[in-house]
Amino acid sequence: AGKGYLTYQRKGRVSVYHPLITKDAYFEQTAVDYSKIWGKGVLKRMAAALIKENELSKNDIQDLKDYLDELDSMGH
């Protein structure tokens, strides 16, 4: 169905849907798709909006910083 994220099985008049990929894989692909559609600055703007609306905790922000530092140390 759609982009290959779900499959379904008909059971009588009901369709039962099942994921084909993990939640993490879905989020990774969605982030890449948004970046392609809206441009490279979209992730920065998205993070800023989440921080502004208090959707990211201090721990979330620290985790993000740590992850970015890790990527930087790997040469990304």
N, C-alpha and C. Protein backbone atom coordinates (compact mmCIF):
# COMPACT_ATOMS: atom_id res chain seq x y z
N ALA A 1 0.84 -1.19 0.00
CA ALA A 1 0.00 0.00 0.00
C ALA A 1 0.87 1.24 0.00
N GLY A 2 0.60 2.19 -0.83
CA GLY A 2 1.30 3.47 -0.82
C GLY A 2 2.77 3.36 -1.12
N LYS A 3 3.59 3.80 -0.19
CA LYS A 3 5.03 3.86 -0.38
C LYS A 3 5.75 2.61 0.11
N GLY A 4 5.03 1.57 0.40
CA GLY A 4 5.67 0.35 0.86
C GLY A 4 5.86 0.28 2.35
N TYR A 5 5.12 1.09 3.09
CA TYR A 5 5.23 1.08 4.54
C TYR A 5 4.27 0.08 5.18
N LEU A 6 3.20 -0.24 4.47
CA LEU A 6 2.17 -1.12 5.02
C LEU A 6 1.80 -2.20 4.03
N THR A 7 1.30 -3.27 4.57
CA THR A 7 0.65 -4.29 3.76
C THR A 7 -0.70 -4.56 4.43
N TYR A 8 -1.59 -5.13 3.69
CA TYR A 8 -2.88 -5.44 4.31
C TYR A 8 -3.38 -6.79 3.83
N GLN A 9 -4.27 -7.30 4.62
CA GLN A 9 -4.88 -8.58 4.32
C GLN A 9 -6.39 -8.42 4.49
N ARG A 10 -7.12 -8.85 3.51
CA ARG A 10 -8.58 -8.77 3.60
C ARG A 10 -9.08 -9.94 4.42
N LYS A 11 -9.92 -9.63 5.38
CA LYS A 11 -10.59 -10.66 6.18
C LYS A 11 -12.08 -10.35 6.10
N GLY A 12 -12.71 -10.97 5.11
CA GLY A 12 -14.11 -10.66 4.86
C GLY A 12 -14.23 -9.25 4.32
N ARG A 13 -14.99 -8.43 5.01
CA ARG A 13 -15.19 -7.05 4.58
C ARG A 13 -14.22 -6.08 5.27
N VAL A 14 -13.30 -6.63 6.04
CA VAL A 14 -12.37 -5.81 6.82
C VAL A 14 -10.96 -5.96 6.26
N SER A 15 -10.22 -4.87 6.20
CA SER A 15 -8.81 -4.90 5.84
C SER A 15 -7.98 -4.76 7.10
N VAL A 16 -7.04 -5.68 7.30
CA VAL A 16 -6.15 -5.64 8.45
C VAL A 16 -4.77 -5.23 7.94
N TYR A 17 -4.27 -4.10 8.46
CA TYR A 17 -3.00 -3.55 8.00
C TYR A 17 -1.86 -3.95 8.94
N HIS A 18 -0.68 -4.16 8.34
CA HIS A 18 0.51 -4.53 9.09
C HIS A 18 1.69 -3.71 8.56
N PRO A 19 2.58 -3.25 9.46
CA PRO A 19 3.74 -2.48 9.00
C PRO A 19 4.76 -3.38 8.30
N LEU A 20 5.40 -2.82 7.28
CA LEU A 20 6.48 -3.53 6.58
C LEU A 20 7.85 -3.10 7.06
N ILE A 21 7.91 -1.94 7.72
CA ILE A 21 9.18 -1.43 8.23
C ILE A 21 9.01 -1.04 9.69
N THR A 22 10.13 -0.87 10.37
CA THR A 22 10.07 -0.48 11.78
C THR A 22 9.71 1.00 11.91
N LYS A 23 9.31 1.37 13.09
CA LYS A 23 8.98 2.76 13.38
C LYS A 23 10.22 3.65 13.15
N ASP A 24 11.39 3.18 13.60
CA ASP A 24 12.62 3.95 13.42
C ASP A 24 12.94 4.14 11.94
N ALA A 25 12.78 3.08 11.15
CA ALA A 25 13.05 3.19 9.72
C ALA A 25 12.07 4.16 9.06
N TYR A 26 10.82 4.15 9.51
CA TYR A 26 9.83 5.08 8.98
C TYR A 26 10.23 6.53 9.28
N PHE A 27 10.62 6.79 10.53
CA PHE A 27 11.01 8.15 10.90
C PHE A 27 12.24 8.61 10.13
N GLU A 28 13.21 7.71 9.95
CA GLU A 28 14.40 8.07 9.18
C GLU A 28 14.04 8.44 7.75
N GLN A 29 13.21 7.63 7.12
CA GLN A 29 12.82 7.89 5.74
C GLN A 29 12.00 9.17 5.63
N THR A 30 11.13 9.40 6.60
CA THR A 30 10.32 10.61 6.60
C THR A 30 11.19 11.85 6.71
N ALA A 31 12.20 11.80 7.57
CA ALA A 31 13.11 12.94 7.71
C ALA A 31 13.83 13.22 6.40
N VAL A 32 14.28 12.17 5.74
CA VAL A 32 14.96 12.33 4.44
C VAL A 32 13.99 12.91 3.41
N ASP A 33 12.77 12.40 3.40
CA ASP A 33 11.76 12.91 2.46
C ASP A 33 11.48 14.39 2.69
N TYR A 34 11.30 14.79 3.95
CA TYR A 34 11.06 16.20 4.27
C TYR A 34 12.23 17.06 3.82
N SER A 35 13.43 16.58 4.05
CA SER A 35 14.61 17.33 3.65
C SER A 35 14.65 17.53 2.14
N LYS A 36 14.28 16.51 1.39
CA LYS A 36 14.26 16.61 -0.07
C LYS A 36 13.19 17.59 -0.55
N ILE A 37 12.04 17.56 0.11
CA ILE A 37 10.91 18.40 -0.31
C ILE A 37 11.13 19.86 0.09
N TRP A 38 11.50 20.09 1.33
CA TRP A 38 11.54 21.44 1.88
C TRP A 38 12.93 22.07 1.91
N GLY A 39 13.95 21.32 1.57
CA GLY A 39 15.31 21.85 1.56
C GLY A 39 16.07 21.47 2.81
N LYS A 40 17.36 21.67 2.74
CA LYS A 40 18.24 21.21 3.81
C LYS A 40 18.00 21.89 5.15
N GLY A 41 17.47 23.09 5.17
CA GLY A 41 17.26 23.79 6.43
C GLY A 41 16.03 23.36 7.20
N VAL A 42 15.25 22.45 6.62
CA VAL A 42 13.98 22.07 7.25
C VAL A 42 14.19 21.40 8.61
N LEU A 43 15.21 20.60 8.74
CA LEU A 43 15.39 19.89 10.01
C LEU A 43 15.75 20.85 11.13
N LYS A 44 16.54 21.86 10.81
CA LYS A 44 16.86 22.88 11.80
C LYS A 44 15.60 23.64 12.21
N ARG A 45 14.79 24.01 11.23
CA ARG A 45 13.54 24.72 11.53
C ARG A 45 12.58 23.85 12.31
N MET A 46 12.54 22.56 11.99
CA MET A 46 11.66 21.64 12.70
C MET A 46 12.10 21.51 14.16
N ALA A 47 13.39 21.34 14.38
CA ALA A 47 13.90 21.24 15.75
C ALA A 47 13.62 22.53 16.52
N ALA A 48 13.83 23.67 15.87
CA ALA A 48 13.57 24.96 16.52
C ALA A 48 12.10 25.09 16.91
N ALA A 49 11.21 24.66 16.03
CA ALA A 49 9.78 24.74 16.33
C ALA A 49 9.42 23.82 17.50
N LEU A 50 9.99 22.63 17.52
CA LEU A 50 9.71 21.70 18.61
C LEU A 50 10.23 22.23 19.94
N ILE A 51 11.40 22.86 19.90
CA ILE A 51 11.95 23.45 21.12
C ILE A 51 11.08 24.61 21.57
N LYS A 52 10.70 25.47 20.64
CA LYS A 52 9.87 26.63 20.96
C LYS A 52 8.54 26.22 21.59
N GLU A 53 7.96 25.17 21.10
CA GLU A 53 6.66 24.71 21.61
C GLU A 53 6.80 23.74 22.78
N ASN A 54 8.01 23.65 23.33
CA ASN A 54 8.29 22.78 24.48
C ASN A 54 7.99 21.31 24.20
N GLU A 55 8.17 20.90 22.96
CA GLU A 55 7.96 19.50 22.60
C GLU A 55 9.23 18.68 22.80
N LEU A 56 10.37 19.35 22.97
CA LEU A 56 11.63 18.65 23.25
C LEU A 56 12.06 19.00 24.66
N SER A 57 12.33 17.97 25.44
CA SER A 57 12.81 18.19 26.80
C SER A 57 14.30 18.53 26.77
N LYS A 58 14.82 18.95 27.90
CA LYS A 58 16.26 19.21 27.98
C LYS A 58 17.04 17.94 27.69
N ASN A 59 16.52 16.80 28.12
CA ASN A 59 17.18 15.53 27.82
C ASN A 59 17.17 15.24 26.32
N ASP A 60 16.04 15.53 25.66
CA ASP A 60 15.96 15.34 24.21
C ASP A 60 17.00 16.20 23.51
N ILE A 61 17.11 17.44 23.94
CA ILE A 61 18.06 18.37 23.33
C ILE A 61 19.49 17.89 23.56
N GLN A 62 19.78 17.43 24.77
CA GLN A 62 21.12 16.91 25.05
C GLN A 62 21.41 15.67 24.22
N ASP A 63 20.43 14.79 24.09
CA ASP A 63 20.61 13.59 23.25
C ASP A 63 20.91 13.98 21.81
N LEU A 64 20.21 14.99 21.32
CA LEU A 64 20.45 15.47 19.96
C LEU A 64 21.85 16.04 19.82
N LYS A 65 22.27 16.84 20.79
CA LYS A 65 23.63 17.39 20.77
C LYS A 65 24.67 16.27 20.78
N ASP A 66 24.46 15.29 21.64
CA ASP A 66 25.40 14.17 21.72
C ASP A 66 25.47 13.42 20.40
N TYR A 67 24.31 13.21 19.79
CA TYR A 67 24.26 12.51 18.51
C TYR A 67 24.99 13.30 17.42
N LEU A 68 24.76 14.61 17.39
CA LEU A 68 25.44 15.45 16.40
C LEU A 68 26.95 15.46 16.63
N ASP A 69 27.36 15.49 17.89
CA ASP A 69 28.80 15.42 18.20
C ASP A 69 29.38 14.10 17.73
N GLU A 70 28.64 13.02 17.93
CA GLU A 70 29.09 11.70 17.49
C GLU A 70 29.24 11.66 15.97
N LEU A 71 28.26 12.21 15.27
CA LEU A 71 28.34 12.25 13.81
C LEU A 71 29.54 13.09 13.36
N ASP A 72 29.74 14.21 14.03
CA ASP A 72 30.85 15.10 13.69
C ASP A 72 32.19 14.38 13.88
N SER A 73 32.31 13.63 14.95
CA SER A 73 33.56 12.93 15.22
C SER A 73 33.80 11.81 14.21
N MET A 74 32.73 11.34 13.56
CA MET A 74 32.86 10.30 12.54
C MET A 74 33.08 10.90 11.16
N GLY A 75 33.09 12.23 11.08
CA GLY A 75 33.35 12.89 9.81
C GLY A 75 32.12 13.15 8.96
N HIS A 76 30.95 13.10 9.55
CA HIS A 76 29.71 13.37 8.79
C HIS A 76 29.39 14.83 8.83
